[in-house]
Amino acid sequence: MINRNNGKVAVIMSVYGSDDPIALTGAIDSILNQSYPCDLYIFRDGEVPVALQNILDKISDNIRIKYYHSEKNKGLAFALNKLIDRVLSGGYQFVARMDSDDISRCERIEKQVAYFNEHSNVDVCGTSCREFGASYALDEKHLPSIHEKLLNFSITRCPFIHPSVMFRSSVFADGNRYPTDTVFTEDMALWFNLLNKGYIFGNINEVLLDYRLNENTIERRKGINKAMSEVRIRTSNMFALKQFSFKNVVLIYSRLIFHIMPSSLVKIAYKSAR
C-alpha cells in the first residue's frame, strides 16, 4: 500500500438524520478503501434514526475514523468548521471533502495528492464526476481545469463539485472557514472568499467521484428571493474579481429565469446546458 510520505490526508464528512443508511455505508467504505491511506472525520449534525446511529456506533472503533456529534442540528458550515478545527491539530497536509451519499473512486485521494505535489501553486483541487439518481444526471461532468478559466467561470457557475474537493490545510491554517452567515450556499461563499484573497484553484479533468442527485434537488434551488440574492452576490464579485464582461452580465441575470422556470424545463436545461 502507498504510504503517506507525500502528505497526510483527512477527509471531512457531515451526517444528518435524513441520510440513507445504505448510501452512508457506501460513502464511508469508498473512503476507507482508497488506494492512498487517509483518515475520515465524521460529524453527526443533530439526532439521527436508529439505523444511522447503529452505523456510526459500529465504525467509531475504527482507528482511521474520528467521530464527533452535536445533539442539535447546526448546519453544514458549522459541522465542517468543527471538523476542520480538529483536523488542524492532527498534522495533516491536505483536507478533502466528502458527502454522506456519494462514492469516491478508489484512486481519488491518491490522484489529488499527486496533483498537489505536481502543482505547488494550487491551493484547492476538485475533480470531474459522474452524476446518478435523477433523470437529468450527466454521465460525465467536467469543469475548467486551470485557475484563470475557473476565476471567470466562478462568476456565473460553481467552480467545483463540492464533495470532490481537496484543500491544502494551509488554506484553513490561514484562518479561512465556511461562512455561516451567508444567503449563498456555504461552498460558493467560501469559493468567492478564497478567490478574493488570491488563492489558486484547479480541477483534475477525470471522473473520480460518483455524485448522487435526486428529482427534488431542482426544487431546492428555485425561488425568486434566492435568485435575487445570487444575482447580487455574483454581480458584486464580478466587479471585485475584475471579471466584468457583457457575457457574464447576461449569464448572471439569466439565472433569474432559471429560478422561476417550471421544474420540468429546468431539468431539461440541466441535462442539455451544463
C-alpha atoms as a PDB file:
ATOM      1  CA  MET A   1       0.000   0.000   0.000  1.00  0.00           C
ATOM      2  CA  ILE A   2       1.100   3.535  -0.743  1.00  0.00           C
ATOM      3  CA  ASN A   3       2.448   5.333   2.323  1.00  0.00           C
ATOM      4  CA  ARG A   4       1.700   8.895   3.335  1.00  0.00           C
ATOM      5  CA  ASN A   5       5.165  10.336   2.827  1.00  0.00           C
ATOM      6  CA  ASN A   6       3.621  12.665   0.238  1.00  0.00           C
ATOM      7  CA  GLY A   7       1.286  14.178   2.839  1.00  0.00           C
ATOM      8  CA  LYS A   8      -1.299  13.081   5.398  1.00  0.00           C
ATOM      9  CA  VAL A   9      -4.925  13.426   4.286  1.00  0.00           C
ATOM     10  CA  ALA A  10      -8.033  13.919   6.412  1.00  0.00           C
ATOM     11  CA  VAL A  11     -11.477  13.557   4.816  1.00  0.00           C
ATOM     12  CA  ILE A  12     -14.351  15.501   6.425  1.00  0.00           C
ATOM     13  CA  MET A  13     -17.995  14.405   6.218  1.00  0.00           C
ATOM     14  CA  SER A  14     -21.209  15.555   7.910  1.00  0.00           C
ATOM     15  CA  VAL A  15     -24.099  13.159   8.620  1.00  0.00           C
ATOM     16  CA  TYR A  16     -27.767  14.123   9.013  1.00  0.00           C
ATOM     17  CA  GLY A  17     -30.968  12.448  10.134  1.00  0.00           C
ATOM     18  CA  SER A  18     -32.340  12.370   6.583  1.00  0.00           C
ATOM     19  CA  ASP A  19     -29.362  10.429   5.229  1.00  0.00           C
ATOM     20  CA  ASP A  20     -29.874   6.958   3.794  1.00  0.00           C
ATOM     21  CA  PRO A  21     -28.060   4.208   5.769  1.00  0.00           C
ATOM     22  CA  ILE A  22     -27.103   2.236   2.661  1.00  0.00           C
ATOM     23  CA  ALA A  23     -25.745   5.324   0.912  1.00  0.00           C
ATOM     24  CA  LEU A  24     -23.826   6.349   4.049  1.00  0.00           C
ATOM     25  CA  THR A  25     -22.210   2.912   4.284  1.00  0.00           C
ATOM     26  CA  GLY A  26     -21.164   3.124   0.650  1.00  0.00           C
ATOM     27  CA  ALA A  27     -19.702   6.605   1.114  1.00  0.00           C
ATOM     28  CA  ILE A  28     -17.688   5.557   4.173  1.00  0.00           C
ATOM     29  CA  ASP A  29     -16.428   2.373   2.503  1.00  0.00           C
ATOM     30  CA  SER A  30     -15.307   4.347  -0.554  1.00  0.00           C
ATOM     31  CA  ILE A  31     -13.017   6.427   1.674  1.00  0.00           C
ATOM     32  CA  LEU A  32     -11.706   3.551   3.776  1.00  0.00           C
ATOM     33  CA  ASN A  33     -10.885   1.626   0.575  1.00  0.00           C
ATOM     34  CA  GLN A  34      -8.853   4.395  -1.069  1.00  0.00           C
ATOM     35  CA  SER A  35      -5.550   3.405  -2.664  1.00  0.00           C
ATOM     36  CA  TYR A  36      -3.941   6.246  -0.705  1.00  0.00           C
ATOM     37  CA  PRO A  37      -4.434   5.839   3.076  1.00  0.00           C
ATOM     38  CA  CYS A  38      -6.405   8.638   4.703  1.00  0.00           C
ATOM     39  CA  ASP A  39      -8.368   9.311   7.883  1.00  0.00           C
ATOM     40  CA  LEU A  40     -12.092  10.045   7.948  1.00  0.00           C
ATOM     41  CA  TYR A  41     -13.536  12.714  10.242  1.00  0.00           C
ATOM     42  CA  ILE A  42     -17.324  12.460  10.691  1.00  0.00           C
ATOM     43  CA  PHE A  43     -19.647  14.948  12.396  1.00  0.00           C
ATOM     44  CA  ARG A  44     -23.203  13.849  13.224  1.00  0.00           C
ATOM     45  CA  ASP A  45     -25.202  17.057  12.958  1.00  0.00           C
ATOM     46  CA  GLY A  46     -28.231  16.551  15.215  1.00  0.00           C
ATOM     47  CA  GLU A  47     -30.251  13.484  16.105  1.00  0.00           C
ATOM     48  CA  VAL A  48     -30.431  10.598  13.630  1.00  0.00           C
ATOM     49  CA  PRO A  49     -32.610   7.470  13.302  1.00  0.00           C
ATOM     50  CA  VAL A  50     -31.511   4.232  14.960  1.00  0.00           C
ATOM     51  CA  ALA A  51     -30.385   2.689  11.666  1.00  0.00           C
ATOM     52  CA  LEU A  52     -27.950   5.543  11.040  1.00  0.00           C
ATOM     53  CA  GLN A  53     -26.734   5.644  14.630  1.00  0.00           C
ATOM     54  CA  ASN A  54     -26.018   1.909  14.501  1.00  0.00           C
ATOM     55  CA  ILE A  55     -23.697   2.502  11.558  1.00  0.00           C
ATOM     56  CA  LEU A  56     -21.917   5.331  13.357  1.00  0.00           C
ATOM     57  CA  ASP A  57     -21.556   3.267  16.531  1.00  0.00           C
ATOM     58  CA  LYS A  58     -20.160   0.367  14.547  1.00  0.00           C
ATOM     59  CA  ILE A  59     -17.463   2.404  12.811  1.00  0.00           C
ATOM     60  CA  SER A  60     -16.500   4.582  15.777  1.00  0.00           C
ATOM     61  CA  ASP A  61     -13.940   1.987  16.942  1.00  0.00           C
ATOM     62  CA  ASN A  62     -12.058   2.141  13.631  1.00  0.00           C
ATOM     63  CA  ILE A  63      -8.728   3.851  14.309  1.00  0.00           C
ATOM     64  CA  ARG A  64      -8.937   5.655  10.944  1.00  0.00           C
ATOM     65  CA  ILE A  65     -12.277   7.270  11.807  1.00  0.00           C
ATOM     66  CA  LYS A  66     -12.705  10.223  14.162  1.00  0.00           C
ATOM     67  CA  TYR A  67     -16.331  10.686  15.185  1.00  0.00           C
ATOM     68  CA  TYR A  68     -17.926  13.798  16.702  1.00  0.00           C
ATOM     69  CA  HIS A  69     -21.529  14.857  17.155  1.00  0.00           C
ATOM     70  CA  SER A  70     -23.991  17.540  18.196  1.00  0.00           C
ATOM     71  CA  GLU A  71     -27.402  16.785  19.667  1.00  0.00           C
ATOM     72  CA  LYS A  72     -28.867  19.796  17.846  1.00  0.00           C
ATOM     73  CA  ASN A  73     -28.695  20.428  14.124  1.00  0.00           C
ATOM     74  CA  LYS A  74     -26.196  23.256  13.493  1.00  0.00           C
ATOM     75  CA  GLY A  75     -25.934  23.206   9.694  1.00  0.00           C
ATOM     76  CA  LEU A  76     -23.313  22.100   7.202  1.00  0.00           C
ATOM     77  CA  ALA A  77     -20.951  25.054   7.609  1.00  0.00           C
ATOM     78  CA  PHE A  78     -20.858  24.643  11.395  1.00  0.00           C
ATOM     79  CA  ALA A  79     -20.222  20.892  11.096  1.00  0.00           C
ATOM     80  CA  LEU A  80     -17.419  21.258   8.554  1.00  0.00           C
ATOM     81  CA  ASN A  81     -15.762  24.055  10.513  1.00  0.00           C
ATOM     82  CA  LYS A  82     -15.779  21.932  13.675  1.00  0.00           C
ATOM     83  CA  LEU A  83     -14.067  19.112  11.794  1.00  0.00           C
ATOM     84  CA  ILE A  84     -11.544  21.491  10.243  1.00  0.00           C
ATOM     85  CA  ASP A  85     -10.606  22.728  13.716  1.00  0.00           C
ATOM     86  CA  ARG A  86      -9.968  19.123  14.760  1.00  0.00           C
ATOM     87  CA  VAL A  87      -8.018  18.288  11.629  1.00  0.00           C
ATOM     88  CA  LEU A  88      -5.651  21.235  12.008  1.00  0.00           C
ATOM     89  CA  SER A  89      -4.315  19.786  15.244  1.00  0.00           C
ATOM     90  CA  GLY A  90      -3.606  16.432  13.581  1.00  0.00           C
ATOM     91  CA  GLY A  91      -0.649  17.308  11.379  1.00  0.00           C
ATOM     92  CA  TYR A  92      -2.476  16.798   8.073  1.00  0.00           C
ATOM     93  CA  GLN A  93      -1.180  18.388   4.882  1.00  0.00           C
ATOM     94  CA  PHE A  94      -4.463  18.009   2.992  1.00  0.00           C
ATOM     95  CA  VAL A  95      -8.177  18.180   3.838  1.00  0.00           C
ATOM     96  CA  ALA A  96     -10.673  16.531   1.492  1.00  0.00           C
ATOM     97  CA  ARG A  97     -14.441  16.904   1.363  1.00  0.00           C
ATOM     98  CA  MET A  98     -16.903  14.059   1.068  1.00  0.00           C
ATOM     99  CA  ASP A  99     -20.691  13.860   1.252  1.00  0.00           C
ATOM    100  CA  SER A 100     -22.522  11.083   3.056  1.00  0.00           C
ATOM    101  CA  ASP A 101     -24.304   9.787  -0.049  1.00  0.00           C
ATOM    102  CA  ASP A 102     -21.620   9.946  -2.748  1.00  0.00           C
ATOM    103  CA  ILE A 103     -18.936   7.464  -3.805  1.00  0.00           C
ATOM    104  CA  SER A 104     -15.260   8.340  -4.203  1.00  0.00           C
ATOM    105  CA  ARG A 105     -13.443   6.295  -6.837  1.00  0.00           C
ATOM    106  CA  CYS A 106     -10.655   4.264  -5.253  1.00  0.00           C
ATOM    107  CA  GLU A 107      -7.795   6.373  -6.697  1.00  0.00           C
ATOM    108  CA  ARG A 108      -9.383   9.759  -5.991  1.00  0.00           C
ATOM    109  CA  ILE A 109      -7.261  10.739  -2.973  1.00  0.00           C
ATOM    110  CA  GLU A 110      -4.047   9.382  -4.496  1.00  0.00           C
ATOM    111  CA  LYS A 111      -4.528  11.368  -7.702  1.00  0.00           C
ATOM    112  CA  GLN A 112      -5.386  14.586  -5.878  1.00  0.00           C
ATOM    113  CA  VAL A 113      -2.297  14.332  -3.662  1.00  0.00           C
ATOM    114  CA  ALA A 114      -0.201  13.687  -6.777  1.00  0.00           C
ATOM    115  CA  TYR A 115      -1.779  16.729  -8.435  1.00  0.00           C
ATOM    116  CA  PHE A 116      -0.864  18.946  -5.477  1.00  0.00           C
ATOM    117  CA  ASN A 117       2.696  17.647  -5.489  1.00  0.00           C
ATOM    118  CA  GLU A 118       2.946  18.475  -9.197  1.00  0.00           C
ATOM    119  CA  HIS A 119       1.239  21.887  -8.890  1.00  0.00           C
ATOM    120  CA  SER A 120       2.812  23.583  -5.899  1.00  0.00           C
ATOM    121  CA  ASN A 121       0.941  26.849  -6.537  1.00  0.00           C
ATOM    122  CA  VAL A 122      -2.565  25.328  -6.338  1.00  0.00           C
ATOM    123  CA  ASP A 123      -4.456  25.583  -3.029  1.00  0.00           C
ATOM    124  CA  VAL A 124      -7.776  23.876  -3.843  1.00  0.00           C
ATOM    125  CA  CYS A 125      -8.261  20.937  -6.204  1.00  0.00           C
ATOM    126  CA  GLY A 126     -11.504  19.343  -7.420  1.00  0.00           C
ATOM    127  CA  THR A 127     -12.301  16.572  -9.885  1.00  0.00           C
ATOM    128  CA  SER A 128     -14.854  15.650 -12.514  1.00  0.00           C
ATOM    129  CA  CYS A 129     -17.772  13.421 -11.562  1.00  0.00           C
ATOM    130  CA  ARG A 130     -20.444  11.027 -12.797  1.00  0.00           C
ATOM    131  CA  GLU A 131     -23.930  12.015 -11.679  1.00  0.00           C
ATOM    132  CA  PHE A 132     -26.578   9.427 -10.840  1.00  0.00           C
ATOM    133  CA  GLY A 133     -30.011   9.154  -9.239  1.00  0.00           C
ATOM    134  CA  ALA A 134     -32.007  11.664 -11.325  1.00  0.00           C
ATOM    135  CA  SER A 135     -33.395  11.941 -14.856  1.00  0.00           C
ATOM    136  CA  TYR A 136     -31.142  14.912 -15.616  1.00  0.00           C
ATOM    137  CA  ALA A 137     -27.921  13.303 -14.344  1.00  0.00           C
ATOM    138  CA  LEU A 138     -24.825  13.522 -16.558  1.00  0.00           C
ATOM    139  CA  ASP A 139     -22.610  10.530 -17.308  1.00  0.00           C
ATOM    140  CA  GLU A 140     -19.625  12.858 -17.034  1.00  0.00           C
ATOM    141  CA  LYS A 141     -19.466  16.380 -15.656  1.00  0.00           C
ATOM    142  CA  HIS A 142     -16.278  18.315 -16.322  1.00  0.00           C
ATOM    143  CA  LEU A 143     -15.338  21.827 -15.209  1.00  0.00           C
ATOM    144  CA  PRO A 144     -12.461  24.104 -16.272  1.00  0.00           C
ATOM    145  CA  SER A 145      -9.120  22.792 -15.042  1.00  0.00           C
ATOM    146  CA  ILE A 146      -6.867  25.850 -14.683  1.00  0.00           C
ATOM    147  CA  HIS A 147      -7.199  28.831 -12.356  1.00  0.00           C
ATOM    148  CA  GLU A 148      -7.525  31.557 -14.973  1.00  0.00           C
ATOM    149  CA  LYS A 149     -10.557  29.854 -16.517  1.00  0.00           C
ATOM    150  CA  LEU A 150     -12.035  28.915 -13.138  1.00  0.00           C
ATOM    151  CA  LEU A 151     -11.770  32.525 -11.971  1.00  0.00           C
ATOM    152  CA  ASN A 152     -14.038  33.701 -14.776  1.00  0.00           C
ATOM    153  CA  PHE A 153     -16.220  30.575 -14.666  1.00  0.00           C
ATOM    154  CA  SER A 154     -16.960  31.144 -10.963  1.00  0.00           C
ATOM    155  CA  ILE A 155     -18.762  34.413 -11.708  1.00  0.00           C
ATOM    156  CA  THR A 156     -21.677  32.548 -13.282  1.00  0.00           C
ATOM    157  CA  ARG A 157     -21.309  28.945 -12.078  1.00  0.00           C
ATOM    158  CA  CYS A 158     -19.743  26.937  -9.284  1.00  0.00           C
ATOM    159  CA  PRO A 159     -16.038  26.234  -9.952  1.00  0.00           C
ATOM    160  CA  PHE A 160     -16.023  22.918  -8.080  1.00  0.00           C
ATOM    161  CA  ILE A 161     -18.068  19.803  -7.472  1.00  0.00           C
ATOM    162  CA  HIS A 162     -18.033  20.341  -3.723  1.00  0.00           C
ATOM    163  CA  PRO A 163     -17.682  16.737  -2.425  1.00  0.00           C
ATOM    164  CA  SER A 164     -14.778  16.189  -4.836  1.00  0.00           C
ATOM    165  CA  VAL A 165     -12.657  18.998  -3.406  1.00  0.00           C
ATOM    166  CA  MET A 166      -9.337  18.709  -1.578  1.00  0.00           C
ATOM    167  CA  PHE A 167      -7.626  21.659   0.147  1.00  0.00           C
ATOM    168  CA  ARG A 168      -4.119  22.273   1.308  1.00  0.00           C
ATOM    169  CA  SER A 169      -4.500  22.508   5.085  1.00  0.00           C
ATOM    170  CA  SER A 170      -2.680  25.844   4.917  1.00  0.00           C
ATOM    171  CA  VAL A 171      -5.904  27.352   3.491  1.00  0.00           C
ATOM    172  CA  PHE A 172      -7.597  26.727   6.832  1.00  0.00           C
ATOM    173  CA  ALA A 173      -4.488  27.379   8.921  1.00  0.00           C
ATOM    174  CA  ASP A 174      -4.667  30.898   7.463  1.00  0.00           C
ATOM    175  CA  GLY A 175      -7.997  31.294   9.263  1.00  0.00           C
ATOM    176  CA  ASN A 176     -10.412  30.598   6.409  1.00  0.00           C
ATOM    177  CA  ARG A 177     -13.635  28.713   7.195  1.00  0.00           C
ATOM    178  CA  TYR A 178     -17.001  28.004   5.604  1.00  0.00           C
ATOM    179  CA  PRO A 179     -19.153  31.135   6.091  1.00  0.00           C
ATOM    180  CA  THR A 180     -22.082  30.523   8.450  1.00  0.00           C
ATOM    181  CA  ASP A 181     -23.966  33.778   7.804  1.00  0.00           C
ATOM    182  CA  THR A 182     -24.377  33.741   4.027  1.00  0.00           C
ATOM    183  CA  VAL A 183     -27.520  33.774   1.879  1.00  0.00           C
ATOM    184  CA  PHE A 184     -25.459  31.874  -0.690  1.00  0.00           C
ATOM    185  CA  THR A 185     -24.559  28.191  -0.365  1.00  0.00           C
ATOM    186  CA  GLU A 186     -21.700  27.622   2.085  1.00  0.00           C
ATOM    187  CA  ASP A 187     -19.342  26.310  -0.569  1.00  0.00           C
ATOM    188  CA  MET A 188     -19.973  29.085  -3.095  1.00  0.00           C
ATOM    189  CA  ALA A 189     -19.471  31.721  -0.405  1.00  0.00           C
ATOM    190  CA  LEU A 190     -16.166  30.078   0.504  1.00  0.00           C
ATOM    191  CA  TRP A 191     -15.000  29.964  -3.135  1.00  0.00           C
ATOM    192  CA  PHE A 192     -15.612  33.688  -3.556  1.00  0.00           C
ATOM    193  CA  ASN A 193     -13.848  34.463  -0.269  1.00  0.00           C
ATOM    194  CA  LEU A 194     -10.807  32.462  -1.335  1.00  0.00           C
ATOM    195  CA  LEU A 195     -10.710  33.914  -4.847  1.00  0.00           C
ATOM    196  CA  ASN A 196     -10.824  37.440  -3.453  1.00  0.00           C
ATOM    197  CA  LYS A 197      -7.866  36.580  -1.214  1.00  0.00           C
ATOM    198  CA  GLY A 198      -5.792  35.265  -4.107  1.00  0.00           C
ATOM    199  CA  TYR A 199      -5.893  31.501  -3.530  1.00  0.00           C
ATOM    200  CA  ILE A 200      -5.335  29.341  -6.606  1.00  0.00           C
ATOM    201  CA  PHE A 201      -7.885  26.799  -7.899  1.00  0.00           C
ATOM    202  CA  GLY A 202      -7.527  23.750 -10.146  1.00  0.00           C
ATOM    203  CA  ASN A 203      -9.533  20.725 -11.291  1.00  0.00           C
ATOM    204  CA  ILE A 204      -8.463  17.259 -12.393  1.00  0.00           C
ATOM    205  CA  ASN A 205     -10.247  16.520 -15.659  1.00  0.00           C
ATOM    206  CA  GLU A 206     -11.050  12.929 -14.676  1.00  0.00           C
ATOM    207  CA  VAL A 207     -14.141  11.323 -13.144  1.00  0.00           C
ATOM    208  CA  LEU A 208     -13.100  10.462  -9.578  1.00  0.00           C
ATOM    209  CA  LEU A 209     -16.467  10.830  -7.813  1.00  0.00           C
ATOM    210  CA  ASP A 210     -19.961   9.408  -8.261  1.00  0.00           C
ATOM    211  CA  TYR A 211     -22.262  12.282  -7.290  1.00  0.00           C
ATOM    212  CA  ARG A 212     -25.791  11.461  -6.159  1.00  0.00           C
ATOM    213  CA  LEU A 213     -28.744  13.593  -7.281  1.00  0.00           C
ATOM    214  CA  ASN A 214     -32.475  13.210  -6.814  1.00  0.00           C
ATOM    215  CA  GLU A 215     -35.500  14.672  -8.544  1.00  0.00           C
ATOM    216  CA  ASN A 216     -36.088  17.113  -5.663  1.00  0.00           C
ATOM    217  CA  THR A 217     -32.655  18.754  -5.986  1.00  0.00           C
ATOM    218  CA  ILE A 218     -34.082  21.162  -8.569  1.00  0.00           C
ATOM    219  CA  GLU A 219     -36.863  22.314  -6.248  1.00  0.00           C
ATOM    220  CA  ARG A 220     -34.387  23.304  -3.526  1.00  0.00           C
ATOM    221  CA  ARG A 221     -32.603  25.642  -5.939  1.00  0.00           C
ATOM    222  CA  LYS A 222     -35.681  27.573  -7.071  1.00  0.00           C
ATOM    223  CA  GLY A 223     -37.302  30.751  -5.736  1.00  0.00           C
ATOM    224  CA  ILE A 224     -37.159  34.434  -6.659  1.00  0.00           C
ATOM    225  CA  ASN A 225     -35.645  35.541  -3.330  1.00  0.00           C
ATOM    226  CA  LYS A 226     -32.803  33.050  -3.704  1.00  0.00           C
ATOM    227  CA  ALA A 227     -32.369  34.174  -7.298  1.00  0.00           C
ATOM    228  CA  MET A 228     -32.106  37.860  -6.384  1.00  0.00           C
ATOM    229  CA  SER A 229     -29.565  37.128  -3.639  1.00  0.00           C
ATOM    230  CA  GLU A 230     -27.491  35.070  -6.048  1.00  0.00           C
ATOM    231  CA  VAL A 231     -27.574  37.778  -8.729  1.00  0.00           C
ATOM    232  CA  ARG A 232     -26.444  40.457  -6.249  1.00  0.00           C
ATOM    233  CA  ILE A 233     -23.549  38.361  -4.928  1.00  0.00           C
ATOM    234  CA  ARG A 234     -22.381  37.227  -8.340  1.00  0.00           C
ATOM    235  CA  THR A 235     -22.543  40.780  -9.695  1.00  0.00           C
ATOM    236  CA  SER A 236     -20.534  42.216  -6.806  1.00  0.00           C
ATOM    237  CA  ASN A 237     -17.878  39.522  -7.202  1.00  0.00           C
ATOM    238  CA  MET A 238     -17.731  40.049 -10.945  1.00  0.00           C
ATOM    239  CA  PHE A 239     -16.502  43.579 -10.244  1.00  0.00           C
ATOM    240  CA  ALA A 240     -14.377  42.657  -7.198  1.00  0.00           C
ATOM    241  CA  LEU A 241     -12.547  39.961  -9.169  1.00  0.00           C
ATOM    242  CA  LYS A 242     -12.243  42.187 -12.281  1.00  0.00           C
ATOM    243  CA  GLN A 243     -14.218  39.766 -14.471  1.00  0.00           C
ATOM    244  CA  PHE A 244     -16.727  42.215 -15.952  1.00  0.00           C
ATOM    245  CA  SER A 245     -17.982  41.303 -19.417  1.00  0.00           C
ATOM    246  CA  PHE A 246     -21.246  41.505 -21.343  1.00  0.00           C
ATOM    247  CA  LYS A 247     -21.351  37.705 -21.453  1.00  0.00           C
ATOM    248  CA  ASN A 248     -21.051  37.446 -17.668  1.00  0.00           C
ATOM    249  CA  VAL A 249     -23.785  40.043 -17.134  1.00  0.00           C
ATOM    250  CA  VAL A 250     -26.150  38.119 -19.418  1.00  0.00           C
ATOM    251  CA  LEU A 251     -25.361  34.781 -17.748  1.00  0.00           C
ATOM    252  CA  ILE A 252     -25.791  36.193 -14.244  1.00  0.00           C
ATOM    253  CA  TYR A 253     -29.182  37.746 -14.945  1.00  0.00           C
ATOM    254  CA  SER A 254     -30.371  34.703 -16.883  1.00  0.00           C
ATOM    255  CA  ARG A 255     -30.332  32.896 -13.537  1.00  0.00           C
ATOM    256  CA  LEU A 256     -33.470  34.863 -12.624  1.00  0.00           C
ATOM    257  CA  ILE A 257     -35.278  32.983 -15.380  1.00  0.00           C
ATOM    258  CA  PHE A 258     -33.724  29.695 -14.281  1.00  0.00           C
ATOM    259  CA  HIS A 259     -35.061  30.083 -10.726  1.00  0.00           C
ATOM    260  CA  ILE A 260     -38.682  30.702 -11.786  1.00  0.00           C
ATOM    261  CA  MET A 261     -38.946  28.227 -14.681  1.00  0.00           C
ATOM    262  CA  PRO A 262     -41.168  25.145 -14.232  1.00  0.00           C
ATOM    263  CA  SER A 263     -39.183  22.221 -12.829  1.00  0.00           C
ATOM    264  CA  SER A 264     -39.718  20.163 -15.981  1.00  0.00           C
ATOM    265  CA  LEU A 265     -37.990  22.822 -18.084  1.00  0.00           C
ATOM    266  CA  VAL A 266     -35.212  23.296 -15.534  1.00  0.00           C
ATOM    267  CA  LYS A 267     -34.425  19.564 -15.712  1.00  0.00           C
ATOM    268  CA  ILE A 268     -34.165  19.770 -19.497  1.00  0.00           C
ATOM    269  CA  ALA A 269     -31.840  22.759 -19.170  1.00  0.00           C
ATOM    270  CA  TYR A 270     -29.740  20.954 -16.567  1.00  0.00           C
ATOM    271  CA  LYS A 271     -29.367  17.956 -18.868  1.00  0.00           C
ATOM    272  CA  SER A 272     -28.524  19.877 -22.044  1.00  0.00           C
ATOM    273  CA  ALA A 273     -26.801  23.111 -20.949  1.00  0.00           C
ATOM    274  CA  ARG A 274     -24.208  22.031 -18.394  1.00  0.00           C
END
